[in-house]
Protein backbone atom coordinates (compact mmCIF):
# COMPACT_ATOMS: atom_id res chain seq x y z
CA MET A 1 0.12 -0.11 0.03
CA ALA A 2 2.91 2.34 0.98
CA GLU A 3 4.60 1.53 -2.20
CA SER A 4 1.44 2.32 -4.29
CA ALA A 5 1.13 5.60 -2.67
CA HIS A 6 4.67 6.37 -3.34
CA ASN A 7 4.11 5.60 -7.07
CA GLN A 8 1.02 7.75 -7.35
CA HIS A 9 3.37 10.84 -6.67
CA ALA A 10 6.77 9.67 -7.75
CA SER A 11 8.12 11.21 -11.15
CA THR A 12 11.03 10.49 -13.28
CA VAL A 13 11.18 13.95 -14.30
CA ASP A 14 14.03 16.42 -13.47
CA PRO A 15 12.56 19.82 -14.29
CA ALA A 16 16.04 21.30 -14.72
CA GLU A 17 17.03 18.51 -17.10
CA VAL A 18 13.89 18.97 -19.21
CA GLU A 19 14.47 22.66 -19.37
CA ARG A 20 18.09 22.31 -20.37
CA PHE A 21 17.33 20.17 -23.35
CA ALA A 22 14.09 22.38 -24.26
CA ARG A 23 16.41 25.38 -24.52
CA ILE A 24 18.31 23.81 -27.48
CA ALA A 25 15.40 21.97 -28.84
CA ASP A 26 16.01 23.83 -32.32
CA GLU A 27 19.38 22.17 -32.79
CA TRP A 28 18.48 18.42 -32.66
CA TRP A 29 18.79 18.08 -36.57
CA ASP A 30 22.01 20.11 -37.09
CA PRO A 31 24.68 17.58 -37.46
CA ARG A 32 27.38 20.28 -36.43
CA GLY A 33 25.52 21.77 -33.37
CA LYS A 34 25.14 20.68 -29.77
CA PHE A 35 23.96 17.23 -30.85
CA ALA A 36 26.64 16.41 -33.15
CA PRO A 37 28.01 13.74 -30.87
CA LEU A 38 24.62 12.05 -31.04
CA HIS A 39 24.69 12.21 -34.93
CA GLN A 40 28.09 10.54 -35.02
CA LEU A 41 26.92 7.85 -32.69
CA ASN A 42 23.74 7.18 -34.38
CA PRO A 43 24.98 4.51 -37.00
CA VAL A 44 26.56 2.44 -34.16
CA ARG A 45 23.34 2.66 -32.06
CA ILE A 46 21.03 1.82 -34.98
CA GLY A 47 23.05 -1.10 -36.13
CA PHE A 48 23.39 -2.62 -32.77
CA ILE A 49 19.44 -2.24 -32.25
CA ARG A 50 18.55 -3.39 -35.96
CA ASP A 51 20.84 -6.48 -35.59
CA ARG A 52 19.60 -7.78 -32.37
CA ILE A 53 15.81 -7.23 -33.26
CA ALA A 54 16.38 -9.27 -36.44
CA SER A 55 18.00 -11.99 -34.65
CA HIS A 56 15.30 -12.02 -31.92
CA TRP A 57 12.42 -12.42 -34.40
CA GLN A 58 14.41 -14.26 -36.93
CA ARG A 59 14.49 -11.59 -39.68
CA ASP A 60 16.95 -10.46 -42.18
CA ALA A 61 18.53 -7.49 -40.80
CA LEU A 62 19.50 -6.28 -44.20
CA SER A 63 15.96 -6.74 -45.77
CA GLY A 64 15.28 -3.15 -45.64
CA SER A 65 12.31 -3.56 -43.37
CA PRO A 66 13.48 -5.75 -40.49
CA LEU A 67 11.25 -4.09 -38.05
CA HIS A 68 8.10 -4.56 -40.14
CA GLY A 69 5.01 -4.94 -38.07
CA LEU A 70 6.79 -4.12 -34.74
CA SER A 71 5.72 -1.46 -32.35
CA VAL A 72 8.72 0.52 -31.11
CA LEU A 73 8.72 3.07 -28.37
CA ASP A 74 11.54 5.54 -27.99
CA ILE A 75 11.58 7.08 -24.45
CA GLY A 76 13.23 10.54 -24.26
CA CYS A 77 12.99 10.77 -28.07
CA GLY A 78 14.39 14.29 -28.29
CA GLY A 79 14.07 15.50 -31.72
CA GLY A 80 13.46 12.18 -33.13
CA LEU A 81 17.05 10.95 -34.05
CA LEU A 82 16.41 7.43 -33.33
CA CYS A 83 12.65 7.57 -34.25
CA GLU A 84 13.08 8.46 -37.80
CA PRO A 85 15.42 5.47 -38.62
CA MET A 86 13.42 3.10 -36.64
CA ALA A 87 10.27 4.26 -38.75
CA ARG A 88 12.46 3.71 -41.99
CA LEU A 89 13.39 0.29 -40.86
CA GLY A 90 9.54 -0.47 -40.88
CA GLY A 91 8.71 -0.10 -37.34
CA GLN A 92 5.51 1.43 -35.97
CA VAL A 93 7.26 4.18 -33.74
CA THR A 94 5.99 6.12 -30.84
CA GLY A 95 8.29 8.78 -29.43
CA ILE A 96 7.86 10.30 -26.08
CA ASP A 97 9.51 13.20 -24.46
CA ALA A 98 8.91 15.16 -21.32
CA ALA A 99 9.96 18.55 -23.03
CA GLU A 100 7.12 20.02 -25.18
CA ARG A 101 9.64 21.67 -27.53
CA ASN A 102 11.49 18.54 -28.20
CA VAL A 103 8.36 16.73 -29.34
CA ALA A 104 7.25 19.93 -31.54
CA THR A 105 10.77 19.71 -33.20
CA ALA A 106 10.49 15.92 -33.77
CA ARG A 107 6.83 16.16 -35.10
CA LEU A 108 7.77 18.95 -37.52
CA HIS A 109 10.87 17.20 -38.84
CA ALA A 110 9.04 13.82 -39.33
CA GLY A 111 6.39 15.67 -41.16
CA GLY A 112 8.87 17.14 -43.48
CA GLN A 113 10.26 13.43 -44.15
CA ASP A 114 6.82 12.00 -44.69
CA LEU A 115 7.18 9.65 -41.72
CA ALA A 116 4.12 8.56 -39.70
CA ILE A 117 5.45 8.77 -36.08
CA ASP A 118 3.24 9.12 -32.94
CA TYR A 119 5.10 11.70 -30.85
CA ARG A 120 3.67 12.48 -27.48
CA GLU A 121 4.73 14.64 -24.66
CA THR A 122 4.52 12.31 -21.64
CA THR A 123 6.82 10.26 -19.47
CA ALA A 124 7.61 6.46 -19.17
CA GLU A 125 5.72 5.99 -15.68
CA THR A 126 2.60 7.71 -17.21
CA MET A 127 2.76 5.50 -20.37
CA ALA A 128 3.36 2.47 -18.13
CA ALA A 129 0.37 3.31 -15.95
CA SER A 130 -1.94 3.56 -19.10
CA GLY A 131 -1.14 -0.10 -19.82
CA ALA A 132 0.62 0.55 -23.02
CA GLN A 133 3.14 -2.06 -24.24
CA PHE A 134 5.46 -2.29 -27.10
CA ASP A 135 7.59 -4.95 -29.03
CA VAL A 136 10.56 -2.79 -28.69
CA VAL A 137 11.46 -0.20 -26.01
CA LEU A 138 14.33 2.09 -26.55
CA ALA A 139 15.76 4.12 -23.55
CA LEU A 140 18.98 5.64 -24.98
CA GLU A 141 21.06 8.49 -23.56
CA ILE A 142 18.09 9.21 -21.11
CA VAL A 143 18.48 7.34 -17.83
CA GLU A 144 21.38 9.51 -16.45
CA HIS A 145 19.05 12.66 -16.93
CA VAL A 146 15.89 11.07 -14.95
CA ALA A 147 15.17 12.08 -11.29
CA ASP A 148 14.13 8.52 -9.96
CA VAL A 149 16.22 5.72 -11.72
CA ASP A 150 14.41 2.97 -10.03
CA LEU A 151 11.09 3.99 -11.16
CA PHE A 152 12.35 4.72 -14.60
CA LEU A 153 13.77 1.27 -15.03
CA ARG A 154 10.64 -0.36 -13.67
CA SER A 155 8.49 1.70 -16.15
CA VAL A 156 10.66 0.76 -19.00
CA GLY A 157 10.19 -2.97 -18.10
CA ARG A 158 6.42 -2.60 -17.63
CA LEU A 159 6.16 -0.94 -21.27
CA ALA A 160 7.65 -3.97 -23.07
CA LYS A 161 5.42 -6.91 -24.18
CA PRO A 162 6.25 -10.25 -22.86
CA GLY A 163 8.85 -11.67 -25.13
CA GLY A 164 9.62 -8.05 -26.24
CA LEU A 165 13.20 -6.32 -26.14
CA VAL A 166 14.44 -3.45 -24.20
CA PHE A 167 17.48 -1.27 -25.39
CA LEU A 168 19.42 0.95 -22.97
CA SER A 169 22.49 2.97 -23.25
CA THR A 170 24.23 5.35 -20.67
CA LEU A 171 27.54 6.13 -19.11
CA ASN A 172 29.36 4.28 -16.56
CA ARG A 173 30.12 5.87 -13.16
CA THR A 174 33.91 5.52 -13.26
CA ALA A 175 36.67 7.85 -12.90
CA LYS A 176 37.58 7.42 -16.68
CA ALA A 177 34.04 8.44 -17.46
CA TRP A 178 34.54 11.61 -15.54
CA VAL A 179 37.64 12.49 -17.45
CA LEU A 180 36.28 11.70 -20.82
CA ALA A 181 32.65 12.29 -20.61
CA ILE A 182 32.42 15.35 -18.58
CA ALA A 183 36.10 17.18 -18.38
CA GLY A 184 36.97 16.15 -21.79
CA ALA A 185 33.56 16.28 -23.73
CA GLU A 186 32.21 19.35 -21.99
CA TYR A 187 35.07 21.54 -20.68
CA VAL A 188 38.06 20.78 -23.20
CA LEU A 189 36.70 19.62 -26.62
CA HIS A 190 33.25 21.50 -26.18
CA TRP A 191 31.55 18.62 -27.71
CA LEU A 192 28.55 19.08 -25.42
CA PRO A 193 27.20 22.27 -23.36
CA ARG A 194 28.59 22.52 -20.01
CA GLY A 195 26.54 21.00 -17.41
CA THR A 196 24.96 18.29 -19.80
CA HIS A 197 25.97 15.41 -17.49
CA ASP A 198 26.22 14.79 -13.56
CA TRP A 199 28.69 12.02 -12.78
CA ARG A 200 26.61 11.16 -9.94
CA LYS A 201 23.79 10.10 -12.15
CA PHE A 202 25.98 7.75 -14.39
CA LEU A 203 24.94 4.23 -13.75
CA LYS A 204 27.15 1.15 -13.36
CA PRO A 205 26.15 -1.97 -15.66
CA SER A 206 25.50 -3.99 -12.53
CA GLU A 207 22.84 -1.28 -11.58
CA ALA A 208 21.24 -1.07 -15.03
CA VAL A 209 20.77 -4.83 -15.02
CA ARG A 210 19.35 -4.95 -11.50
CA GLY A 211 16.98 -2.13 -12.28
CA LEU A 212 15.74 -3.57 -15.49
CA ARG A 213 15.37 -7.02 -13.89
CA ASN A 214 13.01 -5.29 -11.49
CA GLY A 215 10.82 -4.38 -14.26
CA GLY A 216 10.83 -8.02 -15.63
CA VAL A 217 13.64 -7.63 -18.12
CA GLU A 218 16.54 -9.94 -18.13
CA ALA A 219 19.70 -8.48 -19.76
CA GLN A 220 21.08 -10.41 -22.78
CA GLU A 221 24.17 -8.43 -23.67
CA ILE A 222 26.25 -5.55 -22.67
CA VAL A 223 28.73 -3.92 -24.88
CA GLY A 224 30.96 -0.74 -24.64
CA VAL A 225 30.65 2.01 -27.15
CA VAL A 226 34.17 3.59 -27.78
CA TYR A 227 35.35 6.67 -29.64
CA SER A 228 38.64 6.48 -31.37
CA PRO A 229 40.25 9.97 -31.59
CA LEU A 230 42.35 8.52 -34.76
CA SER A 231 39.52 7.46 -36.91
CA ARG A 232 37.12 9.89 -35.31
CA ALA A 233 34.51 7.22 -35.25
CA TRP A 234 32.49 5.18 -32.69
CA SER A 235 32.49 1.38 -32.55
CA LEU A 236 31.32 -1.43 -30.26
CA ASN A 237 33.88 -3.02 -27.87
CA ARG A 238 32.74 -5.85 -25.48
CA ARG A 239 35.86 -5.50 -23.31
CA ASP A 240 35.63 -1.67 -22.68
CA LEU A 241 32.45 -0.55 -20.64
CA ASP A 242 34.37 2.06 -18.72
CA VAL A 243 32.71 5.11 -20.49
CA ASN A 244 29.69 4.48 -22.61
CA TYR A 245 27.87 1.15 -22.94
CA MET A 246 24.79 -0.27 -24.30
CA LEU A 247 22.65 -3.35 -23.35
CA TYR A 248 19.60 -5.12 -24.31
CA GLY A 249 17.39 -7.56 -22.70
CA SER A 250 14.25 -9.39 -23.19
CA LYS A 251 10.89 -9.34 -21.12
CA ARG A 252 10.07 -12.42 -19.18
CA ILE A 253 7.15 -14.30 -20.53
CA GLY A 254 4.67 -15.19 -17.68
């Protein structure tokens, strides 16, 4: 009863984080703007998601529409950088974000691309409370910005259909991550606006796995996402989870 009462008032929304991203919403689709790192990272993220979905549902990843007929939810969709590729791969995509300006930007851009994406200004916990469920749930670069991590991860799990997949990416709470993702990316290289990240909100892989398990999701694979200064490119590395990492898991059946 106490937990139920708590959940009625709990929220994953951090107003300061929402306002921070709302202020720069107009820059989502500028590949050289404040979201340039996400544009550079996107091919790696999309490939990881596409290949695991294709394998799970025994489809051809290179067929052109490996997500055909699958419902996809992108939590913290921002300007739609993941929603649009998922729609082009055949997914029936819903994107949600707590910032109205992000949703407006995403909706406008998708309209210009003639893509039918259902964008909504709402939160993971609100969607979960409505009983909505999806074949694929994406929670990329968002968990480090929420106010209540446990509630967020439980909500993510509730939003996945039994047998469905959940994808999560975030930053590890290590000294190396502080040096590279905050000191380096924000203060030295100026890849990101100062204050984008709070190291205390970074999540260790074990914490992410445990939180998703509380939502009924069992992790299947965890890989590091590593940037090479020489090639200026991102790649997957199973041996290096020190800074950025992605994982995917499946929702328990029954």
